[in-house]
Amino acid sequence: MNVAKYTRTAIALHWLIALLILVVLPLGMVMTDLELSPTKLKLYSWHKWLGVTVFALALLRIVWRL
């Protein structure tokens, strides 16, 4: 039986991405219900950069896997 073994780096990237997604989703839901304000704009900025970070980490994970 051939069982795939994952490195600690791959496992860490997986769980870091999962954790960030669990932060980004509720943040996106909350910010859309807010009135236009500096707080809403700050949340949009955090949401955007967390999404970019998730994307970059996902690319890093793919490169690591190759």
N, C-alpha and C. Protein backbone atom coordinates (compact mmCIF):
# COMPACT_ATOMS: atom_id res chain seq x y z
N MET A 1 0.84 -1.18 0.00
CA MET A 1 0.00 0.00 0.00
C MET A 1 0.89 1.25 0.00
N ASN A 2 0.62 2.15 -0.93
CA ASN A 2 1.41 3.37 -1.08
C ASN A 2 0.66 4.54 -0.43
N VAL A 3 1.16 4.99 0.71
CA VAL A 3 0.51 6.08 1.44
C VAL A 3 1.32 7.35 1.22
N ALA A 4 0.64 8.43 0.81
CA ALA A 4 1.31 9.70 0.59
C ALA A 4 1.72 10.29 1.93
N LYS A 5 2.97 10.69 2.01
CA LYS A 5 3.48 11.34 3.21
C LYS A 5 3.67 12.83 2.90
N TYR A 6 3.21 13.66 3.79
CA TYR A 6 3.34 15.10 3.60
C TYR A 6 4.40 15.63 4.56
N THR A 7 5.15 16.62 4.10
CA THR A 7 6.17 17.22 4.93
C THR A 7 5.52 18.13 5.96
N ARG A 8 6.28 18.47 6.97
CA ARG A 8 5.76 19.40 7.99
C ARG A 8 5.42 20.75 7.37
N THR A 9 6.21 21.15 6.40
CA THR A 9 5.94 22.43 5.71
C THR A 9 4.61 22.38 4.99
N ALA A 10 4.33 21.29 4.28
CA ALA A 10 3.06 21.16 3.56
C ALA A 10 1.88 21.16 4.54
N ILE A 11 2.04 20.47 5.65
CA ILE A 11 0.97 20.42 6.66
C ILE A 11 0.76 21.81 7.27
N ALA A 12 1.85 22.50 7.57
CA ALA A 12 1.75 23.85 8.15
C ALA A 12 1.07 24.81 7.17
N LEU A 13 1.44 24.74 5.90
CA LEU A 13 0.81 25.61 4.90
C LEU A 13 -0.68 25.30 4.78
N HIS A 14 -1.02 24.02 4.81
CA HIS A 14 -2.43 23.62 4.73
C HIS A 14 -3.24 24.23 5.86
N TRP A 15 -2.77 24.07 7.08
CA TRP A 15 -3.53 24.56 8.24
C TRP A 15 -3.51 26.08 8.34
N LEU A 16 -2.43 26.70 7.91
CA LEU A 16 -2.39 28.17 7.91
C LEU A 16 -3.41 28.72 6.92
N ILE A 17 -3.48 28.13 5.74
CA ILE A 17 -4.46 28.55 4.74
C ILE A 17 -5.88 28.33 5.26
N ALA A 18 -6.11 27.17 5.88
CA ALA A 18 -7.45 26.87 6.43
C ALA A 18 -7.83 27.90 7.49
N LEU A 19 -6.91 28.22 8.38
CA LEU A 19 -7.18 29.19 9.44
C LEU A 19 -7.50 30.57 8.85
N LEU A 20 -6.71 30.99 7.88
CA LEU A 20 -6.96 32.29 7.26
C LEU A 20 -8.31 32.33 6.55
N ILE A 21 -8.69 31.24 5.90
CA ILE A 21 -10.00 31.20 5.25
C ILE A 21 -11.11 31.31 6.28
N LEU A 22 -10.91 30.67 7.44
CA LEU A 22 -11.92 30.76 8.50
C LEU A 22 -12.02 32.16 9.09
N VAL A 23 -11.01 32.98 8.88
CA VAL A 23 -11.05 34.38 9.31
C VAL A 23 -11.66 35.25 8.20
N VAL A 24 -11.28 34.99 6.96
CA VAL A 24 -11.70 35.83 5.83
C VAL A 24 -13.21 35.72 5.57
N LEU A 25 -13.76 34.53 5.65
CA LEU A 25 -15.18 34.36 5.34
C LEU A 25 -16.10 35.15 6.27
N PRO A 26 -15.98 34.99 7.59
CA PRO A 26 -16.86 35.79 8.46
C PRO A 26 -16.59 37.29 8.34
N LEU A 27 -15.32 37.66 8.13
CA LEU A 27 -14.99 39.07 7.95
C LEU A 27 -15.73 39.63 6.74
N GLY A 28 -15.77 38.88 5.65
CA GLY A 28 -16.48 39.32 4.45
C GLY A 28 -17.97 39.45 4.69
N MET A 29 -18.54 38.53 5.46
CA MET A 29 -19.97 38.59 5.76
C MET A 29 -20.32 39.79 6.64
N VAL A 30 -19.46 40.06 7.61
CA VAL A 30 -19.73 41.18 8.53
C VAL A 30 -19.57 42.51 7.82
N MET A 31 -18.53 42.66 7.04
CA MET A 31 -18.25 43.98 6.46
C MET A 31 -19.29 44.40 5.42
N THR A 32 -19.93 43.44 4.76
CA THR A 32 -20.92 43.82 3.75
C THR A 32 -22.18 44.41 4.37
N ASP A 33 -22.44 44.13 5.64
CA ASP A 33 -23.63 44.66 6.31
C ASP A 33 -23.40 46.04 6.93
N LEU A 34 -22.17 46.51 6.94
CA LEU A 34 -21.86 47.79 7.58
C LEU A 34 -22.14 48.96 6.64
N GLU A 35 -22.49 50.08 7.24
CA GLU A 35 -22.62 51.33 6.47
C GLU A 35 -21.22 51.80 6.08
N LEU A 36 -21.14 52.62 5.02
CA LEU A 36 -19.85 53.15 4.60
C LEU A 36 -19.25 53.99 5.72
N SER A 37 -18.07 53.60 6.16
CA SER A 37 -17.38 54.28 7.25
C SER A 37 -15.91 53.92 7.18
N PRO A 38 -15.08 54.61 7.97
CA PRO A 38 -13.65 54.23 8.01
C PRO A 38 -13.46 52.78 8.48
N THR A 39 -14.30 52.32 9.39
CA THR A 39 -14.20 50.94 9.87
C THR A 39 -14.47 49.96 8.73
N LYS A 40 -15.50 50.22 7.94
CA LYS A 40 -15.82 49.34 6.81
C LYS A 40 -14.67 49.31 5.81
N LEU A 41 -14.09 50.47 5.52
CA LEU A 41 -12.98 50.52 4.58
C LEU A 41 -11.76 49.77 5.12
N LYS A 42 -11.53 49.86 6.43
CA LYS A 42 -10.43 49.13 7.04
C LYS A 42 -10.67 47.62 6.93
N LEU A 43 -11.91 47.19 7.18
CA LEU A 43 -12.23 45.76 7.08
C LEU A 43 -12.09 45.27 5.64
N TYR A 44 -12.50 46.09 4.67
CA TYR A 44 -12.33 45.73 3.26
C TYR A 44 -10.84 45.54 2.95
N SER A 45 -10.02 46.44 3.46
CA SER A 45 -8.59 46.34 3.24
C SER A 45 -8.02 45.07 3.85
N TRP A 46 -8.40 44.75 5.09
CA TRP A 46 -7.94 43.52 5.74
C TRP A 46 -8.41 42.29 4.95
N HIS A 47 -9.67 42.32 4.53
CA HIS A 47 -10.24 41.20 3.78
C HIS A 47 -9.45 40.97 2.48
N LYS A 48 -9.16 42.07 1.80
CA LYS A 48 -8.42 41.99 0.54
C LYS A 48 -7.03 41.41 0.76
N TRP A 49 -6.30 41.92 1.74
CA TRP A 49 -4.93 41.47 1.95
C TRP A 49 -4.87 40.06 2.52
N LEU A 50 -5.84 39.68 3.31
CA LEU A 50 -5.89 38.29 3.77
C LEU A 50 -6.15 37.36 2.59
N GLY A 51 -7.02 37.78 1.68
CA GLY A 51 -7.28 36.99 0.48
C GLY A 51 -6.05 36.86 -0.40
N VAL A 52 -5.31 37.95 -0.56
CA VAL A 52 -4.07 37.91 -1.33
C VAL A 52 -3.06 36.99 -0.65
N THR A 53 -3.01 37.02 0.66
CA THR A 53 -2.11 36.16 1.42
C THR A 53 -2.48 34.69 1.25
N VAL A 54 -3.78 34.39 1.31
CA VAL A 54 -4.24 33.01 1.10
C VAL A 54 -3.84 32.55 -0.30
N PHE A 55 -4.03 33.40 -1.30
CA PHE A 55 -3.67 33.05 -2.67
C PHE A 55 -2.17 32.79 -2.79
N ALA A 56 -1.36 33.67 -2.21
CA ALA A 56 0.10 33.50 -2.27
C ALA A 56 0.53 32.22 -1.56
N LEU A 57 -0.06 31.94 -0.41
CA LEU A 57 0.28 30.71 0.31
C LEU A 57 -0.16 29.47 -0.47
N ALA A 58 -1.30 29.56 -1.15
CA ALA A 58 -1.76 28.44 -1.98
C ALA A 58 -0.78 28.19 -3.14
N LEU A 59 -0.30 29.27 -3.76
CA LEU A 59 0.70 29.11 -4.82
C LEU A 59 1.98 28.51 -4.26
N LEU A 60 2.40 28.98 -3.09
CA LEU A 60 3.59 28.44 -2.44
C LEU A 60 3.41 26.95 -2.14
N ARG A 61 2.22 26.59 -1.71
CA ARG A 61 1.94 25.18 -1.42
C ARG A 61 2.03 24.32 -2.68
N ILE A 62 1.53 24.84 -3.79
CA ILE A 62 1.60 24.10 -5.06
C ILE A 62 3.07 23.94 -5.49
N VAL A 63 3.83 25.02 -5.39
CA VAL A 63 5.25 24.97 -5.75
C VAL A 63 5.98 23.98 -4.84
N TRP A 64 5.67 24.02 -3.55
CA TRP A 64 6.30 23.10 -2.60
C TRP A 64 5.98 21.66 -2.97
N ARG A 65 4.75 21.40 -3.38
CA ARG A 65 4.32 20.04 -3.73
C ARG A 65 5.04 19.53 -4.98
N LEU A 66 5.28 20.45 -5.93
CA LEU A 66 5.97 20.05 -7.17
C LEU A 66 7.42 19.69 -6.88
